[in-house]
Amino acid sequence: MSGHSKWANIKRKKEANDKIKGNIFGKLSRIITLAVIEGGGIADSSLNNKLRLAIEKAQSFNMPKENIKRAIERGLGPQKDQLKEVIYEGFGPYGVSLLILATTDNPNRTFSELRSNLEKNGGKLAQSGAVSYQFKKCGLIVLNKKDFNQEEIFQISDKIEAFDIDEDEEKYYLYFPYEFIGHIKERLGEIKYEKLEIDFKPQIKVSIDDENKINEIFKLIDFLESSDDIQKVFTNIG
């Protein structure tokens, strides 16, 4: 297992606070709408894996059913083709790499705002391909430690062919090949997970042990993610 690290512990605390940060329902609505659009207008989550993941994520944040329904309907409406998923690449303070996932109806506006926000906070945008090769697109499943022992985690890992396992005080994080994400329920059977999502796991990492520097990087990530257009920022800190 990858085990504990100062970075991982701070990262998990940040993710735990995401529920009270920013316009989370607005961001989740965009993910749901985009899933319908990219699924060719399929609004049945049993037939649209990306939509199923989006709805599960929304439910984990206690998003009301009516909000989910409206987001699905927007994916079928006349403005549906204007919403796109765009990945931007950049660098933050101390040379860390950033992979920035956006959902936007105006990529030029998002690009301009992102470039300005990065430059104001010690970062900069990068050309396509400058950062993305450092990350692996994959599936991520989160399991609660109180529900599973270590032997069971290894058995689950085998079922989904996980290539890495991370942990903190409360959770196990299993990373598995992206192409399995649509069939994960069949592989797991009755096993209950806490969260399932698409992730970009860094393959080339930088080590930063100074907590003040880590907090400075998180300050930038939080600032970027406060934008309605930005869904999530991934970094290569190990």
Protein backbone atom coordinates (compact mmCIF):
# COMPACT_ATOMS: atom_id res chain seq x y z
CA MET A 1 0.00 0.00 0.00
CA SER A 2 1.06 3.58 -0.60
CA GLY A 3 0.44 4.41 3.04
CA HIS A 4 0.31 7.75 4.80
CA SER A 5 1.95 11.05 3.98
CA LYS A 6 1.65 14.63 5.16
CA TRP A 7 0.33 15.58 1.73
CA ALA A 8 -2.27 12.78 1.74
CA ASN A 9 -3.53 13.68 5.21
CA ILE A 10 -3.98 17.36 4.32
CA LYS A 11 -5.57 16.39 1.00
CA ARG A 12 -8.16 14.18 2.70
CA LYS A 13 -9.04 16.94 5.17
CA LYS A 14 -9.52 19.31 2.24
CA GLU A 15 -11.77 16.85 0.42
CA ALA A 16 -13.84 16.41 3.57
CA ASN A 17 -14.44 20.16 3.58
CA ASP A 18 -15.44 20.28 -0.09
CA LYS A 19 -19.08 19.74 0.88
CA ILE A 20 -19.27 23.25 2.29
CA LYS A 21 -17.12 24.98 -0.32
CA GLY A 22 -18.44 26.96 -3.24
CA ASN A 23 -21.44 26.33 -5.42
CA ILE A 24 -21.17 22.56 -5.17
CA PHE A 25 -24.69 21.85 -6.44
CA GLY A 26 -24.04 24.03 -9.48
CA LYS A 27 -20.87 22.09 -10.27
CA LEU A 28 -22.60 18.75 -9.79
CA SER A 29 -25.45 19.85 -12.05
CA ARG A 30 -22.97 20.59 -14.82
CA ILE A 31 -21.38 17.15 -14.47
CA ILE A 32 -24.81 15.49 -14.73
CA THR A 33 -25.84 17.60 -17.73
CA LEU A 34 -22.57 16.91 -19.50
CA ALA A 35 -22.92 13.17 -18.87
CA VAL A 36 -26.29 13.21 -20.65
CA ILE A 37 -24.85 15.22 -23.57
CA GLU A 38 -21.77 13.01 -23.96
CA GLY A 39 -23.97 9.93 -23.63
CA GLY A 40 -25.84 10.93 -26.77
CA GLY A 41 -28.93 12.07 -24.90
CA ILE A 42 -29.30 8.85 -22.89
CA ALA A 43 -30.97 9.94 -19.65
CA ASP A 44 -31.25 6.43 -18.17
CA SER A 45 -28.34 6.00 -15.75
CA SER A 46 -28.48 2.21 -16.14
CA LEU A 47 -27.51 2.70 -19.79
CA ASN A 48 -25.15 5.65 -19.31
CA ASN A 49 -22.19 4.87 -17.04
CA LYS A 50 -20.91 8.44 -16.83
CA LEU A 51 -24.38 9.63 -15.83
CA ARG A 52 -24.56 6.92 -13.17
CA LEU A 53 -21.26 8.09 -11.69
CA ALA A 54 -22.40 11.72 -11.80
CA ILE A 55 -25.66 10.92 -10.02
CA GLU A 56 -23.87 8.83 -7.38
CA LYS A 57 -21.51 11.72 -6.72
CA ALA A 58 -24.43 14.16 -6.44
CA GLN A 59 -26.20 11.84 -4.02
CA SER A 60 -23.07 11.62 -1.87
CA PHE A 61 -23.37 15.40 -1.41
CA ASN A 62 -27.10 15.06 -0.58
CA MET A 63 -28.14 16.89 -3.73
CA PRO A 64 -31.98 16.94 -3.91
CA LYS A 65 -33.67 14.65 -6.44
CA GLU A 66 -35.35 17.63 -8.12
CA ASN A 67 -31.96 19.24 -8.77
CA ILE A 68 -30.71 16.00 -10.33
CA LYS A 69 -33.83 15.75 -12.50
CA ARG A 70 -33.45 19.35 -13.75
CA ALA A 71 -29.77 18.76 -14.55
CA ILE A 72 -30.68 15.70 -16.63
CA GLU A 73 -33.38 17.66 -18.46
CA ARG A 74 -30.87 20.40 -19.32
CA GLY A 75 -28.80 17.77 -21.09
CA LEU A 76 -31.75 17.18 -23.39
CA GLY A 77 -32.60 20.86 -23.96
CA PRO A 78 -31.83 23.22 -26.86
CA GLN A 79 -28.65 24.61 -25.23
CA LYS A 80 -27.11 21.21 -24.56
CA ASP A 81 -24.33 21.37 -27.15
CA GLN A 82 -22.80 24.48 -25.58
CA LEU A 83 -21.51 22.65 -22.50
CA LYS A 84 -18.13 20.93 -22.89
CA GLU A 85 -15.51 19.24 -20.75
CA VAL A 86 -12.06 20.77 -21.19
CA ILE A 87 -8.77 19.80 -19.54
CA TYR A 88 -6.25 22.59 -19.02
CA GLU A 89 -2.63 22.05 -18.01
CA GLY A 90 -0.50 24.30 -15.86
CA PHE A 91 2.12 24.77 -13.19
CA GLY A 92 1.70 25.97 -9.63
CA PRO A 93 4.15 27.28 -7.03
CA TYR A 94 7.38 25.30 -6.48
CA GLY A 95 7.10 23.68 -9.90
CA VAL A 96 4.15 21.40 -9.15
CA SER A 97 2.12 20.25 -12.13
CA LEU A 98 -1.61 20.92 -12.35
CA LEU A 99 -4.24 19.12 -14.40
CA ILE A 100 -7.38 21.27 -14.36
CA LEU A 101 -10.73 19.72 -15.26
CA ALA A 102 -13.36 22.23 -16.39
CA THR A 103 -16.97 22.05 -17.53
CA THR A 104 -17.77 25.18 -19.50
CA ASP A 105 -20.09 26.67 -22.08
CA ASN A 106 -17.38 29.14 -23.11
CA PRO A 107 -13.85 27.65 -23.25
CA ASN A 108 -12.28 30.98 -24.31
CA ARG A 109 -13.70 32.73 -21.23
CA THR A 110 -12.60 29.90 -18.96
CA PHE A 111 -9.11 29.88 -20.48
CA SER A 112 -8.71 33.65 -19.99
CA GLU A 113 -9.95 33.58 -16.39
CA LEU A 114 -7.83 30.56 -15.53
CA ARG A 115 -4.68 32.09 -16.99
CA SER A 116 -5.24 35.28 -15.01
CA ASN A 117 -5.98 33.44 -11.76
CA LEU A 118 -2.89 31.26 -12.10
CA GLU A 119 -0.58 34.16 -12.85
CA LYS A 120 -1.89 36.11 -9.86
CA ASN A 121 -1.05 33.19 -7.57
CA GLY A 122 2.41 32.09 -8.64
CA GLY A 123 1.38 29.72 -11.42
CA LYS A 124 1.00 29.66 -15.18
CA LEU A 125 -0.82 27.79 -17.91
CA ALA A 126 1.12 25.25 -19.96
CA GLN A 127 0.82 23.97 -23.50
CA SER A 128 -1.21 20.85 -24.19
CA GLY A 129 0.82 17.75 -23.34
CA ALA A 130 3.27 19.53 -21.03
CA VAL A 131 1.63 18.09 -17.91
CA SER A 132 -0.92 15.44 -18.87
CA TYR A 133 1.69 12.73 -19.50
CA GLN A 134 2.47 12.80 -15.77
CA PHE A 135 -1.05 11.61 -14.88
CA LYS A 136 -2.95 8.37 -15.46
CA LYS A 137 -6.70 8.51 -16.02
CA CYS A 138 -8.25 5.79 -13.91
CA GLY A 139 -11.10 4.76 -11.68
CA LEU A 140 -11.02 5.38 -7.94
CA ILE A 141 -13.08 3.54 -5.36
CA VAL A 142 -13.18 4.60 -1.71
CA LEU A 143 -13.92 2.12 1.09
CA ASN A 144 -14.39 2.78 4.78
CA LYS A 145 -11.89 1.05 7.05
CA LYS A 146 -14.56 0.20 9.61
CA ASP A 147 -16.27 -1.99 7.02
CA PHE A 148 -13.28 -3.97 5.71
CA ASN A 149 -10.11 -5.54 7.05
CA GLN A 150 -6.85 -5.51 5.11
CA GLU A 151 -7.27 -9.03 3.74
CA GLU A 152 -10.70 -8.12 2.35
CA ILE A 153 -9.23 -5.00 0.75
CA PHE A 154 -6.68 -7.11 -1.10
CA GLN A 155 -9.46 -9.44 -2.27
CA ILE A 156 -11.46 -6.47 -3.56
CA SER A 157 -8.32 -5.14 -5.19
CA ASP A 158 -7.99 -8.40 -7.12
CA LYS A 159 -11.62 -8.21 -8.26
CA ILE A 160 -11.12 -4.78 -9.87
CA GLU A 161 -7.47 -5.35 -10.85
CA ALA A 162 -6.37 -2.33 -8.82
CA PHE A 163 -2.88 -1.09 -9.64
CA ASP A 164 -2.43 0.93 -6.44
CA ILE A 165 -3.92 1.20 -2.95
CA ASP A 166 -3.67 4.24 -0.71
CA GLU A 167 -5.01 4.77 2.78
CA ASP A 168 -5.44 7.29 5.57
CA GLU A 169 -6.80 6.97 9.09
CA GLU A 170 -10.38 6.24 7.95
CA LYS A 171 -10.41 5.17 4.28
CA TYR A 172 -8.88 2.90 1.67
CA TYR A 173 -8.42 4.29 -1.85
CA LEU A 174 -8.22 1.72 -4.65
CA TYR A 175 -7.11 2.84 -8.12
CA PHE A 176 -8.08 0.63 -11.05
CA PRO A 177 -7.99 0.75 -14.88
CA TYR A 178 -10.33 3.35 -16.36
CA GLU A 179 -11.79 0.91 -18.88
CA PHE A 180 -13.29 -1.14 -16.02
CA ILE A 181 -15.35 1.72 -14.62
CA GLY A 182 -18.50 0.80 -16.52
CA HIS A 183 -18.44 -2.75 -15.18
CA ILE A 184 -17.32 -2.10 -11.62
CA LYS A 185 -20.64 -3.11 -10.06
CA GLU A 186 -20.53 -6.48 -11.79
CA ARG A 187 -16.99 -7.01 -10.50
CA LEU A 188 -17.85 -6.00 -6.93
CA GLY A 189 -21.21 -7.74 -6.62
CA GLU A 190 -22.76 -6.89 -3.24
CA ILE A 191 -19.68 -5.07 -1.93
CA LYS A 192 -20.68 -1.58 -0.82
CA TYR A 193 -18.29 1.25 -1.57
CA GLU A 194 -18.39 4.80 -0.23
CA LYS A 195 -17.45 6.56 -3.46
CA LEU A 196 -16.64 5.72 -7.06
CA GLU A 197 -15.26 8.30 -9.47
CA ILE A 198 -12.90 9.08 -12.32
CA ASP A 199 -9.47 10.17 -11.16
CA PHE A 200 -6.18 11.38 -12.62
CA LYS A 201 -3.43 9.77 -10.54
CA PRO A 202 0.04 11.28 -10.79
CA GLN A 203 2.68 8.89 -12.15
CA ILE A 204 5.59 11.33 -11.92
CA LYS A 205 5.53 12.90 -8.47
CA VAL A 206 7.30 15.72 -6.70
CA SER A 207 7.89 15.63 -2.95
CA ILE A 208 7.16 18.68 -0.82
CA ASP A 209 7.51 18.20 2.92
CA ASP A 210 7.13 21.82 4.01
CA GLU A 211 3.57 22.18 5.30
CA ASN A 212 3.55 25.92 4.64
CA LYS A 213 4.36 25.29 0.98
CA ILE A 214 1.70 22.58 0.78
CA ASN A 215 -0.86 24.97 2.25
CA GLU A 216 0.16 27.63 -0.27
CA ILE A 217 -0.48 25.17 -3.10
CA PHE A 218 -3.84 24.23 -1.61
CA LYS A 219 -4.72 27.90 -1.36
CA LEU A 220 -4.21 28.17 -5.11
CA ILE A 221 -6.19 24.97 -5.78
CA ASP A 222 -9.05 26.18 -3.58
CA PHE A 223 -9.06 29.51 -5.40
CA LEU A 224 -9.17 27.84 -8.80
CA GLU A 225 -11.91 25.43 -7.73
CA SER A 226 -14.04 28.31 -6.43
CA SER A 227 -14.83 29.08 -10.08
CA ASP A 228 -18.10 27.56 -11.30
CA ASP A 229 -16.30 26.38 -14.46
CA ILE A 230 -13.60 24.39 -12.65
CA GLN A 231 -14.65 20.95 -11.48
CA LYS A 232 -11.40 19.70 -9.96
CA VAL A 233 -7.67 20.37 -9.91
CA PHE A 234 -5.24 17.44 -9.78
CA THR A 235 -1.61 17.87 -8.78
CA ASN A 236 1.49 15.66 -8.85
CA ILE A 237 2.61 16.11 -5.26
CA GLY A 238 3.48 12.69 -3.87
